[in-house]
Amino acid sequence: MSPSVTSSISRGKTDVVKGQDPGSESSSPPTPVSPRLVSLDAFRGFIMFWIVGGGSLVLGIQSLGHNRLIDMLVYQLSHSPWTAFL
């Protein structure tokens, strides 16, 4: 390791960007890398679609005509009546 990298590590600095010499001056600050899990973002979007109005969309499609898939979706999206604790 170069002396400048070794001295940065020994002082406890962890903001060294890979491929950049820590002693060099740059015009823009390094941007921190934030890895995102794309599948989790897609899942959140899917859930928000159903919360906001996906059920109403399925009911609207069902009013056009019945088929097994739409009837099954309507059944899955409907809630049973509340009977409380007896």
C-alpha atoms as a PDB file:
ATOM      1  CA  MET A   1       0.000   0.000   0.000  1.00  0.00           C
ATOM      2  CA  SER A   2       1.052   3.538  -0.601  1.00  0.00           C
ATOM      3  CA  PRO A   3       1.979   5.643   2.426  1.00  0.00           C
ATOM      4  CA  SER A   4      -1.000   7.972   1.968  1.00  0.00           C
ATOM      5  CA  VAL A   5      -3.469   5.084   2.009  1.00  0.00           C
ATOM      6  CA  THR A   6      -1.761   3.530   5.017  1.00  0.00           C
ATOM      7  CA  SER A   7      -1.845   6.811   6.930  1.00  0.00           C
ATOM      8  CA  SER A   8      -5.550   7.288   6.125  1.00  0.00           C
ATOM      9  CA  ILE A   9      -6.365   3.807   7.363  1.00  0.00           C
ATOM     10  CA  SER A  10      -4.330   4.224  10.529  1.00  0.00           C
ATOM     11  CA  ARG A  11      -6.150   7.487  11.328  1.00  0.00           C
ATOM     12  CA  GLY A  12      -9.486   5.712  11.010  1.00  0.00           C
ATOM     13  CA  LYS A  13     -10.722   7.341   7.798  1.00  0.00           C
ATOM     14  CA  THR A  14     -13.124   5.169   5.844  1.00  0.00           C
ATOM     15  CA  ASP A  15     -14.241   7.629   3.161  1.00  0.00           C
ATOM     16  CA  VAL A  16     -11.666   6.474   0.601  1.00  0.00           C
ATOM     17  CA  VAL A  17     -13.249   5.857  -2.802  1.00  0.00           C
ATOM     18  CA  LYS A  18     -11.887   2.860  -4.685  1.00  0.00           C
ATOM     19  CA  GLY A  19      -9.522   3.897  -7.454  1.00  0.00           C
ATOM     20  CA  GLN A  20      -8.936   7.376  -6.033  1.00  0.00           C
ATOM     21  CA  ASP A  21      -5.801   8.438  -4.200  1.00  0.00           C
ATOM     22  CA  PRO A  22      -6.907   9.817  -0.811  1.00  0.00           C
ATOM     23  CA  GLY A  23      -4.329  12.599  -0.976  1.00  0.00           C
ATOM     24  CA  SER A  24      -5.491  13.945  -4.332  1.00  0.00           C
ATOM     25  CA  GLU A  25      -7.844  16.884  -4.607  1.00  0.00           C
ATOM     26  CA  SER A  26     -10.952  16.410  -6.724  1.00  0.00           C
ATOM     27  CA  SER A  27     -13.419  19.011  -7.937  1.00  0.00           C
ATOM     28  CA  SER A  28     -16.485  17.068  -6.795  1.00  0.00           C
ATOM     29  CA  PRO A  29     -16.930  15.128  -3.566  1.00  0.00           C
ATOM     30  CA  PRO A  30     -17.220  11.362  -3.940  1.00  0.00           C
ATOM     31  CA  THR A  31     -20.764  10.082  -3.955  1.00  0.00           C
ATOM     32  CA  PRO A  32     -21.452   7.295  -1.472  1.00  0.00           C
ATOM     33  CA  VAL A  33     -22.538   4.032  -3.019  1.00  0.00           C
ATOM     34  CA  SER A  34     -25.984   2.948  -1.888  1.00  0.00           C
ATOM     35  CA  PRO A  35     -26.842  -0.488  -3.253  1.00  0.00           C
ATOM     36  CA  ARG A  36     -30.592  -0.921  -3.741  1.00  0.00           C
ATOM     37  CA  LEU A  37     -32.421  -4.186  -3.953  1.00  0.00           C
ATOM     38  CA  VAL A  38     -34.477  -3.696  -7.122  1.00  0.00           C
ATOM     39  CA  SER A  39     -36.755  -6.653  -6.407  1.00  0.00           C
ATOM     40  CA  LEU A  40     -37.741  -5.094  -3.062  1.00  0.00           C
ATOM     41  CA  ASP A  41     -38.561  -1.797  -4.788  1.00  0.00           C
ATOM     42  CA  ALA A  42     -40.679  -3.675  -7.348  1.00  0.00           C
ATOM     43  CA  PHE A  43     -42.493  -5.528  -4.561  1.00  0.00           C
ATOM     44  CA  ARG A  44     -43.232  -2.256  -2.753  1.00  0.00           C
ATOM     45  CA  GLY A  45     -44.610  -0.781  -5.966  1.00  0.00           C
ATOM     46  CA  PHE A  46     -46.804  -3.841  -6.517  1.00  0.00           C
ATOM     47  CA  ILE A  47     -48.184  -3.590  -2.972  1.00  0.00           C
ATOM     48  CA  MET A  48     -48.848   0.144  -3.352  1.00  0.00           C
ATOM     49  CA  PHE A  49     -50.768  -0.541  -6.572  1.00  0.00           C
ATOM     50  CA  TRP A  50     -53.136  -2.882  -4.712  1.00  0.00           C
ATOM     51  CA  ILE A  51     -53.474  -0.542  -1.710  1.00  0.00           C
ATOM     52  CA  VAL A  52     -54.290   2.501  -3.833  1.00  0.00           C
ATOM     53  CA  GLY A  53     -56.811   1.001  -6.206  1.00  0.00           C
ATOM     54  CA  GLY A  54     -56.016  -2.377  -7.661  1.00  0.00           C
ATOM     55  CA  GLY A  55     -59.138  -3.876  -6.083  1.00  0.00           C
ATOM     56  CA  SER A  56     -61.367  -1.290  -7.721  1.00  0.00           C
ATOM     57  CA  LEU A  57     -59.733  -2.017 -11.061  1.00  0.00           C
ATOM     58  CA  VAL A  58     -60.499  -5.730 -10.710  1.00  0.00           C
ATOM     59  CA  LEU A  59     -64.123  -4.963  -9.767  1.00  0.00           C
ATOM     60  CA  GLY A  60     -64.413  -2.736 -12.840  1.00  0.00           C
ATOM     61  CA  ILE A  61     -63.075  -5.514 -15.063  1.00  0.00           C
ATOM     62  CA  GLN A  62     -65.499  -7.989 -13.479  1.00  0.00           C
ATOM     63  CA  SER A  63     -68.431  -5.745 -14.404  1.00  0.00           C
ATOM     64  CA  LEU A  64     -67.497  -6.252 -18.070  1.00  0.00           C
ATOM     65  CA  GLY A  65     -68.112  -9.985 -17.787  1.00  0.00           C
ATOM     66  CA  HIS A  66     -67.320 -12.972 -15.622  1.00  0.00           C
ATOM     67  CA  ASN A  67     -64.482 -15.393 -16.034  1.00  0.00           C
ATOM     68  CA  ARG A  68     -62.772 -17.717 -13.568  1.00  0.00           C
ATOM     69  CA  LEU A  69     -59.625 -15.643 -13.096  1.00  0.00           C
ATOM     70  CA  ILE A  70     -61.404 -12.359 -12.384  1.00  0.00           C
ATOM     71  CA  ASP A  71     -63.954 -14.059 -10.113  1.00  0.00           C
ATOM     72  CA  MET A  72     -61.107 -15.642  -8.156  1.00  0.00           C
ATOM     73  CA  LEU A  73     -59.343 -12.276  -7.788  1.00  0.00           C
ATOM     74  CA  VAL A  74     -62.545 -10.593  -6.587  1.00  0.00           C
ATOM     75  CA  TYR A  75     -63.057 -13.376  -4.043  1.00  0.00           C
ATOM     76  CA  GLN A  76     -59.465 -13.006  -2.781  1.00  0.00           C
ATOM     77  CA  LEU A  77     -59.783  -9.218  -2.488  1.00  0.00           C
ATOM     78  CA  SER A  78     -63.112  -9.242  -0.636  1.00  0.00           C
ATOM     79  CA  HIS A  79     -63.212  -9.195   3.142  1.00  0.00           C
ATOM     80  CA  SER A  80     -65.407 -11.395   5.280  1.00  0.00           C
ATOM     81  CA  PRO A  81     -67.883  -9.554   7.520  1.00  0.00           C
ATOM     82  CA  TRP A  82     -66.679  -8.743  11.011  1.00  0.00           C
ATOM     83  CA  THR A  83     -68.420 -10.812  13.671  1.00  0.00           C
ATOM     84  CA  ALA A  84     -66.434  -9.585  16.687  1.00  0.00           C
ATOM     85  CA  PHE A  85     -65.589 -11.738  19.656  1.00  0.00           C
ATOM     86  CA  LEU A  86     -68.474 -13.806  20.929  1.00  0.00           C
END
